[in-house]
């Protein structure tokens, strides 16, 4: 059940309507070290929703291992996304009930 996942959070929307949301959760590896490598690869290669015409990418390693903040500069605006590692520690089975 447990394992490491790469989680991508990014800005979506335009202008004052921009918001952060989780856009991708992908299995990474059974070991934290392997997951960290995939997180860095994701920071380098992930194609965010915005901007449409990326011109420059800056990657910042955050204090938490395997976590990065990425700024992608487009023609008219700069957008950010965050790559983080998470270890799944619980997965509730589906009950079929809506809450």
Protein backbone atom coordinates (compact mmCIF):
# COMPACT_ATOMS: atom_id res chain seq x y z
CA UNK A 1 0.00 0.00 0.00
CA UNK A 2 2.74 2.48 0.81
CA UNK A 3 4.99 3.96 -1.78
CA UNK A 4 6.29 7.30 -2.96
CA UNK A 5 4.36 9.58 -5.31
CA UNK A 6 5.36 12.69 -7.24
CA UNK A 7 2.72 15.37 -6.78
CA UNK A 8 2.46 18.41 -9.04
CA UNK A 9 0.57 21.53 -7.95
CA UNK A 10 0.26 24.37 -10.43
CA UNK A 11 -1.41 27.67 -11.10
CA UNK A 12 -4.45 27.61 -13.30
CA UNK A 13 -6.82 30.30 -14.46
CA UNK A 14 -6.06 33.83 -15.55
CA UNK A 15 -5.61 37.20 -13.89
CA UNK A 16 -7.23 37.47 -10.47
CA UNK A 17 -8.80 34.04 -11.00
CA UNK A 18 -5.47 32.20 -10.69
CA UNK A 19 -5.50 29.39 -8.17
CA UNK A 20 -3.31 26.50 -7.03
CA UNK A 21 -4.53 22.96 -7.66
CA UNK A 22 -3.13 19.44 -7.77
CA UNK A 23 -2.83 18.45 -11.42
CA UNK A 24 -0.82 15.25 -11.30
CA UNK A 25 -0.17 12.46 -8.81
CA UNK A 26 2.04 9.69 -10.17
CA UNK A 27 3.67 6.66 -8.54
CA UNK A 28 7.39 7.31 -8.22
CA UNK A 29 9.30 4.50 -6.55
CA UNK A 30 9.43 2.25 -3.54
CA UNK A 31 12.48 4.08 -2.19
CA UNK A 32 12.73 7.74 -1.32
CA UNK A 33 16.00 8.08 -3.24
CA UNK A 34 14.43 6.78 -6.46
CA UNK A 35 11.45 9.05 -5.94
CA UNK A 36 13.72 12.09 -5.52
CA UNK A 37 15.31 11.38 -8.90
CA UNK A 38 11.89 11.24 -10.56
CA UNK A 39 10.82 14.44 -8.81
CA UNK A 40 13.82 16.30 -10.27
CA UNK A 41 13.11 14.86 -13.72
CA UNK A 42 9.50 16.01 -13.38
CA UNK A 43 10.65 19.53 -12.42
CA UNK A 44 12.80 19.64 -15.55
CA UNK A 45 10.35 18.09 -18.04
CA UNK A 46 6.75 18.60 -16.84
CA UNK A 47 4.70 20.70 -19.25
CA UNK A 48 2.38 22.88 -17.16
CA UNK A 49 -1.00 24.11 -18.35
CA UNK A 50 0.37 27.68 -18.53
CA UNK A 51 2.11 29.43 -20.15
CA UNK A 52 1.26 28.33 -23.67
CA UNK A 53 4.56 29.55 -25.11
CA UNK A 54 7.27 28.78 -22.53
CA UNK A 55 10.55 30.64 -23.04
CA UNK A 56 12.48 30.07 -19.82
CA UNK A 57 12.39 27.63 -16.88
CA UNK A 58 13.94 28.23 -13.46
CA UNK A 59 14.03 25.41 -10.88
CA UNK A 60 14.46 26.03 -7.16
CA UNK A 61 15.23 23.14 -4.79
CA UNK A 62 13.21 23.62 -1.61
CA UNK A 63 14.33 22.66 1.90
CA UNK A 64 12.27 19.44 1.88
CA UNK A 65 14.14 16.73 -0.08
CA UNK A 66 12.49 16.00 -3.43
CA UNK A 67 10.56 19.29 -3.49
CA UNK A 68 11.01 21.95 -6.16
CA UNK A 69 9.41 25.23 -7.18
CA UNK A 70 9.54 25.83 -10.93
CA UNK A 71 8.97 29.19 -12.62
CA UNK A 72 8.08 29.02 -16.31
CA UNK A 73 8.29 32.32 -18.14
CA UNK A 74 6.05 32.74 -21.14
CA UNK A 75 5.72 35.51 -23.68
CA UNK A 76 3.33 37.56 -21.55
CA UNK A 77 3.36 36.06 -18.03
CA UNK A 78 5.26 33.82 -15.62
CA UNK A 79 3.56 30.83 -14.02
CA UNK A 80 4.76 28.56 -11.25
CA UNK A 81 4.33 24.95 -10.32
CA UNK A 82 5.51 22.89 -7.39
CA UNK A 83 6.80 19.32 -7.46
CA UNK A 84 6.67 17.45 -4.14
CA UNK A 85 7.18 13.93 -2.91
CA UNK A 86 4.54 12.27 -0.82
CA UNK A 87 4.44 8.84 0.75
CA UNK A 88 1.02 7.26 0.67
CA UNK A 89 0.27 6.02 4.17
CA UNK A 90 -3.45 5.29 3.83
CA UNK A 91 -5.93 4.58 1.07
CA UNK A 92 -9.52 4.23 2.23
CA UNK A 93 -11.46 1.65 0.22
CA UNK A 94 -14.39 2.92 -1.81
CA UNK A 95 -17.73 2.52 -0.07
CA UNK A 96 -19.97 3.63 -2.91
CA UNK A 97 -21.45 6.32 -0.65
CA UNK A 98 -21.23 10.00 -1.53
CA UNK A 99 -20.26 12.30 1.32
